[in-house]
Every structure is written in C-alpha cells, then in structure tokens.
C-alpha atoms as a PDB file:
ATOM      1  CA  MET A   1       0.000  25.057  -8.656  1.00  0.00           C
ATOM      2  CA  ASN A   2       0.704  24.189 -12.232  1.00  0.00           C
ATOM      3  CA  ARG A   3      -1.740  22.335 -14.456  1.00  0.00           C
ATOM      4  CA  THR A   4       0.082  19.008 -14.322  1.00  0.00           C
ATOM      5  CA  VAL A   5      -0.005  18.955 -10.525  1.00  0.00           C
ATOM      6  CA  LEU A   6      -3.689  19.914 -10.433  1.00  0.00           C
ATOM      7  CA  ARG A   7      -4.531  17.279 -13.025  1.00  0.00           C
ATOM      8  CA  SER A   8      -2.566  14.650 -11.111  1.00  0.00           C
ATOM      9  CA  VAL A   9      -4.277  15.550  -7.824  1.00  0.00           C
ATOM     10  CA  GLY A  10      -7.641  15.310  -9.574  1.00  0.00           C
ATOM     11  CA  VAL A  11      -6.820  11.913 -11.057  1.00  0.00           C
ATOM     12  CA  ALA A  12      -5.648  10.637  -7.657  1.00  0.00           C
ATOM     13  CA  ALA A  13      -8.735  11.986  -5.863  1.00  0.00           C
ATOM     14  CA  ALA A  14     -11.046  10.409  -8.440  1.00  0.00           C
ATOM     15  CA  ALA A  15      -9.264   7.040  -8.217  1.00  0.00           C
ATOM     16  CA  ILE A  16      -9.417   7.073  -4.419  1.00  0.00           C
ATOM     17  CA  GLY A  17     -13.103   8.027  -4.523  1.00  0.00           C
ATOM     18  CA  VAL A  18     -14.064   5.279  -6.968  1.00  0.00           C
ATOM     19  CA  THR A  19     -12.062   2.728  -4.971  1.00  0.00           C
ATOM     20  CA  ALA A  20     -13.743   3.825  -1.732  1.00  0.00           C
ATOM     21  CA  VAL A  21     -17.186   3.345  -3.293  1.00  0.00           C
ATOM     22  CA  ILE A  22     -16.250  -0.117  -4.595  1.00  0.00           C
ATOM     23  CA  LEU A  23     -14.852  -1.127  -1.185  1.00  0.00           C
ATOM     24  CA  HIS A  24     -18.033   0.151   0.486  1.00  0.00           C
ATOM     25  CA  LEU A  25     -20.170  -1.889  -1.940  1.00  0.00           C
ATOM     26  CA  MET A  26     -18.005  -4.901  -1.036  1.00  0.00           C
ATOM     27  CA  GLY A  27     -19.013  -4.417   2.599  1.00  0.00           C
ATOM     28  CA  ARG A  28     -15.773  -2.918   3.898  1.00  0.00           C
ATOM     29  CA  ILE A  29     -16.089  -0.619   6.899  1.00  0.00           C
ATOM     30  CA  TRP A  30     -15.269   3.096   6.565  1.00  0.00           C
ATOM     31  CA  ILE A  31     -13.245   3.382   9.776  1.00  0.00           C
ATOM     32  CA  CYS A  32     -11.973   1.101  12.498  1.00  0.00           C
ATOM     33  CA  LYS A  33     -14.657  -0.745  14.469  1.00  0.00           C
ATOM     34  CA  CYS A  34     -13.095   0.933  17.508  1.00  0.00           C
ATOM     35  CA  GLY A  35     -15.012   4.050  16.426  1.00  0.00           C
ATOM     36  CA  TYR A  36     -12.174   6.509  15.886  1.00  0.00           C
ATOM     37  CA  VAL A  37      -9.383   7.251  13.415  1.00  0.00           C
ATOM     38  CA  LYS A  38      -5.743   7.526  14.439  1.00  0.00           C
ATOM     39  CA  LEU A  39      -2.989   9.089  12.362  1.00  0.00           C
ATOM     40  CA  TRP A  40      -0.680   6.179  13.299  1.00  0.00           C
ATOM     41  CA  HIS A  41      -1.294   2.685  14.643  1.00  0.00           C
ATOM     42  CA  GLY A  42       1.929   0.861  15.386  1.00  0.00           C
ATOM     43  CA  VAL A  43       0.756  -2.481  16.788  1.00  0.00           C
ATOM     44  CA  VAL A  44       0.979  -5.018  13.974  1.00  0.00           C
ATOM     45  CA  VAL A  45      -0.617  -7.977  15.711  1.00  0.00           C
ATOM     46  CA  SER A  46      -3.908  -6.319  16.630  1.00  0.00           C
ATOM     47  CA  SER A  47      -7.422  -5.971  15.298  1.00  0.00           C
ATOM     48  CA  GLU A  48      -6.714  -2.261  14.634  1.00  0.00           C
ATOM     49  CA  ASN A  49      -3.873  -2.931  12.188  1.00  0.00           C
ATOM     50  CA  SER A  50      -4.750  -1.659   8.690  1.00  0.00           C
ATOM     51  CA  GLN A  51      -7.715   0.236  10.147  1.00  0.00           C
ATOM     52  CA  HIS A  52      -6.249   3.715  10.642  1.00  0.00           C
ATOM     53  CA  LEU A  53      -4.527   6.276   8.389  1.00  0.00           C
ATOM     54  CA  SER A  54      -1.023   4.850   8.649  1.00  0.00           C
ATOM     55  CA  ASP A  55       0.753   1.851  10.088  1.00  0.00           C
ATOM     56  CA  TRP A  56       3.874  -0.229   9.565  1.00  0.00           C
ATOM     57  CA  TYR A  57       2.644  -1.184   6.071  1.00  0.00           C
ATOM     58  CA  THR A  58       2.448   2.430   4.858  1.00  0.00           C
ATOM     59  CA  PRO A  59       6.128   2.349   3.762  1.00  0.00           C
ATOM     60  CA  SER A  60       5.358  -0.575   1.443  1.00  0.00           C
ATOM     61  CA  HIS A  61       2.820   1.597  -0.378  1.00  0.00           C
ATOM     62  CA  ILE A  62       5.387   4.372  -0.754  1.00  0.00           C
ATOM     63  CA  ILE A  63       7.654   1.711  -2.265  1.00  0.00           C
ATOM     64  CA  HIS A  64       4.819   0.721  -4.639  1.00  0.00           C
ATOM     65  CA  GLY A  65       4.776   4.303  -5.900  1.00  0.00           C
ATOM     66  CA  ILE A  66       8.531   4.365  -6.462  1.00  0.00           C
ATOM     67  CA  LEU A  67       8.419   1.038  -8.306  1.00  0.00           C
ATOM     68  CA  PHE A  68       5.390   2.035 -10.409  1.00  0.00           C
ATOM     69  CA  TYR A  69       7.109   5.278 -11.393  1.00  0.00           C
ATOM     70  CA  ALA A  70      10.186   3.306 -12.487  1.00  0.00           C
ATOM     71  CA  LEU A  71       8.107   0.697 -14.337  1.00  0.00           C
ATOM     72  CA  PHE A  72       5.864   3.104 -16.234  1.00  0.00           C
ATOM     73  CA  THR A  73       8.738   5.470 -16.993  1.00  0.00           C
ATOM     74  CA  ALA A  74      10.743   2.558 -18.446  1.00  0.00           C
ATOM     75  CA  LEU A  75       7.786   1.186 -20.414  1.00  0.00           C
ATOM     76  CA  LEU A  76       6.268   4.524 -21.491  1.00  0.00           C
ATOM     77  CA  PRO A  77       9.004   7.182 -21.401  1.00  0.00           C
ATOM     78  CA  ARG A  78       7.195   9.575 -23.756  1.00  0.00           C
ATOM     79  CA  VAL A  79       3.854   9.435 -21.961  1.00  0.00           C
ATOM     80  CA  SER A  80       2.903  12.291 -19.623  1.00  0.00           C
ATOM     81  CA  ILE A  81       3.512  11.926 -15.918  1.00  0.00           C
ATOM     82  CA  THR A  82      -0.250  12.280 -15.357  1.00  0.00           C
ATOM     83  CA  LEU A  83      -0.973   9.257 -17.545  1.00  0.00           C
ATOM     84  CA  ARG A  84       1.819   7.258 -15.857  1.00  0.00           C
ATOM     85  CA  LEU A  85       0.307   8.194 -12.489  1.00  0.00           C
ATOM     86  CA  ALA A  86      -3.143   7.129 -13.726  1.00  0.00           C
ATOM     87  CA  LEU A  87      -1.712   3.723 -14.678  1.00  0.00           C
ATOM     88  CA  ALA A  88      -0.013   3.417 -11.291  1.00  0.00           C
ATOM     89  CA  LEU A  89      -3.300   4.331  -9.606  1.00  0.00           C
ATOM     90  CA  LEU A  90      -5.132   1.725 -11.668  1.00  0.00           C
ATOM     91  CA  VAL A  91      -2.762  -0.980 -10.421  1.00  0.00           C
ATOM     92  CA  GLU A  92      -2.728   0.264  -6.805  1.00  0.00           C
ATOM     93  CA  CYS A  93      -6.499   0.672  -6.607  1.00  0.00           C
ATOM     94  CA  ALA A  94      -7.033  -2.756  -8.166  1.00  0.00           C
ATOM     95  CA  TRP A  95      -4.692  -4.211  -5.537  1.00  0.00           C
ATOM     96  CA  GLU A  96      -6.553  -2.461  -2.692  1.00  0.00           C
ATOM     97  CA  ILE A  97      -9.820  -3.929  -3.974  1.00  0.00           C
ATOM     98  CA  PHE A  98      -8.348  -7.412  -4.537  1.00  0.00           C
ATOM     99  CA  GLU A  99      -6.537  -7.303  -1.181  1.00  0.00           C
ATOM    100  CA  ASN A 100      -9.894  -6.858   0.537  1.00  0.00           C
ATOM    101  CA  THR A 101     -11.557  -9.888  -1.022  1.00  0.00           C
ATOM    102  CA  ASP A 102     -12.141 -12.991   1.064  1.00  0.00           C
ATOM    103  CA  LEU A 103      -9.568 -14.830  -1.076  1.00  0.00           C
ATOM    104  CA  ILE A 104      -6.682 -12.553  -0.078  1.00  0.00           C
ATOM    105  CA  ILE A 105      -7.863 -11.895   3.482  1.00  0.00           C
ATOM    106  CA  ASN A 106      -8.018 -15.642   4.119  1.00  0.00           C
ATOM    107  CA  ARG A 107      -4.658 -16.130   2.394  1.00  0.00           C
ATOM    108  CA  TYR A 108      -3.047 -13.601   4.748  1.00  0.00           C
ATOM    109  CA  ARG A 109      -4.613 -15.351   7.731  1.00  0.00           C
ATOM    110  CA  GLU A 110      -3.534 -18.838   6.568  1.00  0.00           C
ATOM    111  CA  ALA A 111      -0.059 -18.152   5.211  1.00  0.00           C
ATOM    112  CA  THR A 112       1.213 -15.377   7.477  1.00  0.00           C
ATOM    113  CA  ILE A 113       1.192 -14.443  11.142  1.00  0.00           C
ATOM    114  CA  SER A 114      -1.707 -12.030  10.477  1.00  0.00           C
ATOM    115  CA  LEU A 115      -4.334 -14.070  12.313  1.00  0.00           C
ATOM    116  CA  ASP A 116      -6.259 -10.952  13.369  1.00  0.00           C
ATOM    117  CA  TYR A 117      -6.360  -9.512   9.837  1.00  0.00           C
ATOM    118  CA  TYR A 118      -9.883  -8.985   8.554  1.00  0.00           C
ATOM    119  CA  GLY A 119      -9.094  -6.594   5.714  1.00  0.00           C
ATOM    120  CA  ASP A 120      -8.452  -2.864   5.548  1.00  0.00           C
ATOM    121  CA  SER A 121     -10.871  -0.137   6.513  1.00  0.00           C
ATOM    122  CA  ILE A 122     -11.791   2.127   3.615  1.00  0.00           C
ATOM    123  CA  ILE A 123      -9.908   5.040   5.175  1.00  0.00           C
ATOM    124  CA  ASN A 124      -6.790   2.865   5.458  1.00  0.00           C
ATOM    125  CA  SER A 125      -7.076   1.806   1.806  1.00  0.00           C
ATOM    126  CA  ALA A 126      -7.484   5.453   0.770  1.00  0.00           C
ATOM    127  CA  ALA A 127      -4.418   6.416   2.808  1.00  0.00           C
ATOM    128  CA  ASP A 128      -2.463   3.509   1.288  1.00  0.00           C
ATOM    129  CA  ILE A 129      -3.292   4.772  -2.197  1.00  0.00           C
ATOM    130  CA  ALA A 130      -2.243   8.290  -1.177  1.00  0.00           C
ATOM    131  CA  ALA A 131       1.050   6.857   0.143  1.00  0.00           C
ATOM    132  CA  MET A 132       1.622   5.255  -3.269  1.00  0.00           C
ATOM    133  CA  VAL A 133       1.062   8.655  -4.892  1.00  0.00           C
ATOM    134  CA  ILE A 134       3.634  10.180  -2.522  1.00  0.00           C
ATOM    135  CA  GLY A 135       6.151   7.485  -3.491  1.00  0.00           C
ATOM    136  CA  PHE A 136       5.409   8.053  -7.175  1.00  0.00           C
ATOM    137  CA  PHE A 137       6.060  11.786  -6.898  1.00  0.00           C
ATOM    138  CA  LEU A 138       9.162  11.289  -4.753  1.00  0.00           C
ATOM    139  CA  ALA A 139      10.580   9.046  -7.470  1.00  0.00           C
ATOM    140  CA  SER A 140       9.700  11.623 -10.126  1.00  0.00           C
ATOM    141  CA  ARG A 141      11.721  14.293  -8.298  1.00  0.00           C
ATOM    142  CA  LEU A 142      14.609  12.399  -6.699  1.00  0.00           C
ATOM    143  CA  PRO A 143      17.681  10.889  -8.310  1.00  0.00           C
ATOM    144  CA  VAL A 144      17.483   7.136  -8.836  1.00  0.00           C
ATOM    145  CA  TRP A 145      20.003   6.451  -6.064  1.00  0.00           C
ATOM    146  CA  ALA A 146      17.749   8.283  -3.567  1.00  0.00           C
ATOM    147  CA  SER A 147      14.710   6.246  -4.606  1.00  0.00           C
ATOM    148  CA  VAL A 148      16.711   3.044  -4.203  1.00  0.00           C
ATOM    149  CA  ALA A 149      17.928   4.252  -0.800  1.00  0.00           C
ATOM    150  CA  ILE A 150      14.332   4.878   0.322  1.00  0.00           C
ATOM    151  CA  ILE A 151      13.324   1.364  -0.719  1.00  0.00           C
ATOM    152  CA  VAL A 152      16.292  -0.234   1.056  1.00  0.00           C
ATOM    153  CA  PHE A 153      15.730   1.907   4.168  1.00  0.00           C
ATOM    154  CA  PHE A 154      12.009   1.099   4.446  1.00  0.00           C
ATOM    155  CA  GLU A 155      12.515  -2.607   3.792  1.00  0.00           C
ATOM    156  CA  ALA A 156      15.353  -2.818   6.333  1.00  0.00           C
ATOM    157  CA  LEU A 157      13.405  -0.791   8.903  1.00  0.00           C
ATOM    158  CA  THR A 158      10.206  -2.830   8.707  1.00  0.00           C
ATOM    159  CA  THR A 159      12.088  -6.129   8.537  1.00  0.00           C
ATOM    160  CA  TRP A 160      14.040  -5.183  11.656  1.00  0.00           C
ATOM    161  CA  LEU A 161      11.154  -3.677  13.640  1.00  0.00           C
ATOM    162  CA  ILE A 162       8.165  -5.839  12.681  1.00  0.00           C
ATOM    163  CA  ARG A 163       9.748  -8.759  10.809  1.00  0.00           C
ATOM    164  CA  ASP A 164       7.776  -7.888   7.697  1.00  0.00           C
ATOM    165  CA  GLY A 165       7.906  -5.610   4.675  1.00  0.00           C
ATOM    166  CA  LEU A 166       6.963  -5.550   1.022  1.00  0.00           C
ATOM    167  CA  ALA A 167       9.340  -8.321  -0.075  1.00  0.00           C
ATOM    168  CA  LEU A 168       8.391 -10.631   2.804  1.00  0.00           C
ATOM    169  CA  ASN A 169       4.712  -9.842   2.301  1.00  0.00           C
ATOM    170  CA  ILE A 170       4.896 -10.849  -1.360  1.00  0.00           C
ATOM    171  CA  LEU A 171       6.910 -13.963  -0.542  1.00  0.00           C
ATOM    172  CA  MET A 172       4.437 -15.116   2.094  1.00  0.00           C
ATOM    173  CA  LEU A 173       1.435 -14.521  -0.165  1.00  0.00           C
ATOM    174  CA  VAL A 174       2.920 -16.225  -3.206  1.00  0.00           C
ATOM    175  CA  TRP A 175       5.126 -18.921  -1.684  1.00  0.00           C
ATOM    176  CA  PRO A 176       4.715 -19.161   2.084  1.00  0.00           C
ATOM    177  CA  LEU A 177       7.659 -20.648   3.913  1.00  0.00           C
ATOM    178  CA  GLU A 178       7.131 -22.153   7.340  1.00  0.00           C
ATOM    179  CA  ALA A 179      10.599 -21.010   8.457  1.00  0.00           C
ATOM    180  CA  VAL A 180       9.753 -17.392   7.611  1.00  0.00           C
ATOM    181  CA  LYS A 181       6.372 -17.680   9.338  1.00  0.00           C
ATOM    182  CA  GLN A 182       8.087 -19.030  12.470  1.00  0.00           C
ATOM    183  CA  TRP A 183      10.679 -16.231  12.380  1.00  0.00           C
ATOM    184  CA  GLN A 184       7.982 -13.601  11.904  1.00  0.00           C
ATOM    185  CA  GLY A 185       6.073 -15.004  14.868  1.00  0.00           C
ATOM    186  CA  GLY A 186       9.082 -14.406  17.089  1.00  0.00           C
END
C-alpha cells in the first residue's frame, strides 16, 4: 500500500475510534440489544434497524462520501486527498454523534414513520462512517458520471424498495410533509 492510502486508513480508523468512544460516553449501546451482530438487516420498521453492520440506510452513507468528495474537491482542489477525507470524516462523525442525540432521535420518531427508532448502535455508526469512506474513495477513482449514476441508483432503489432514502430522509427531518409520511407508511 502506498503512503497516502495508509495515512487515509489511519485517519479513518482514528475518527471511527474517537466517535465510538463519544457515542459510548453518550450511553449508546455497542451492539444490538438482541445480543448479536448481523452483516445485513433488511427490515426497516423494526427495533433492529440501525443496529447491525449494514441496512437499507447504508447506501445513503455511501452517497455522503461521494458528495463530500465533490464538495471538498470543489472547495479545496489543491489540498491533499487525506486532508479532504479528514474533513469529510469530521462532518460524518459529527453527524453520527448528533444523529444519536435525543433531539434527533425524537425528531425521527415524531416526523417520520420510524416509530421504533431509538438511535444507532455504536457498531452501526462505525459501519456508516466506513460506508462514507467507501463512497469518498469511489468518487475519487470513478468518473463524475459514474458517481452521479451511483447516487441516482441508490436513491431510486431505496425509494422504490423502502420508500425512503437520503433525499427523503433530509426532507422529513427538515420539513416534514404529512403526505410523504402517509406514503412512506404504505
């Protein structure tokens, strides 16, 4: 592995570690209360959603990485990829911490169909951050049209299969619409 990759892996590991400690100090659980860790949990409306390594919201974190790569490349084109990744990790880790505060957990439960949402497990948050890193590095290697195609594909897939996705998630957190909530509820 070259130095840039090793440095980037180190930065990502450190960010995930610090975030895990902060989430633990906030009282978040390490793994699902069910007592085990699954690679994939595909039932959105369940108490195990956002408790395992991946779920239907993992694609939104890959999209975060693609968007952060685009943003920090546009804003800081001469800065190293490691520093751009560090900035992306700062934003993603801050979101994972903020997302697991009572304010946001209650907002999800009030404004969306996520009545059984009680926050992420620490392992899920760590995996979400890792998914963002994957998206970031995909965007750094792929042509722009491929990154856009990934975003469109993931948004279309999750909207079709679970009636949710990054755009709908943001909409319902910022400006909840009863019509969207009814549609999401089936």
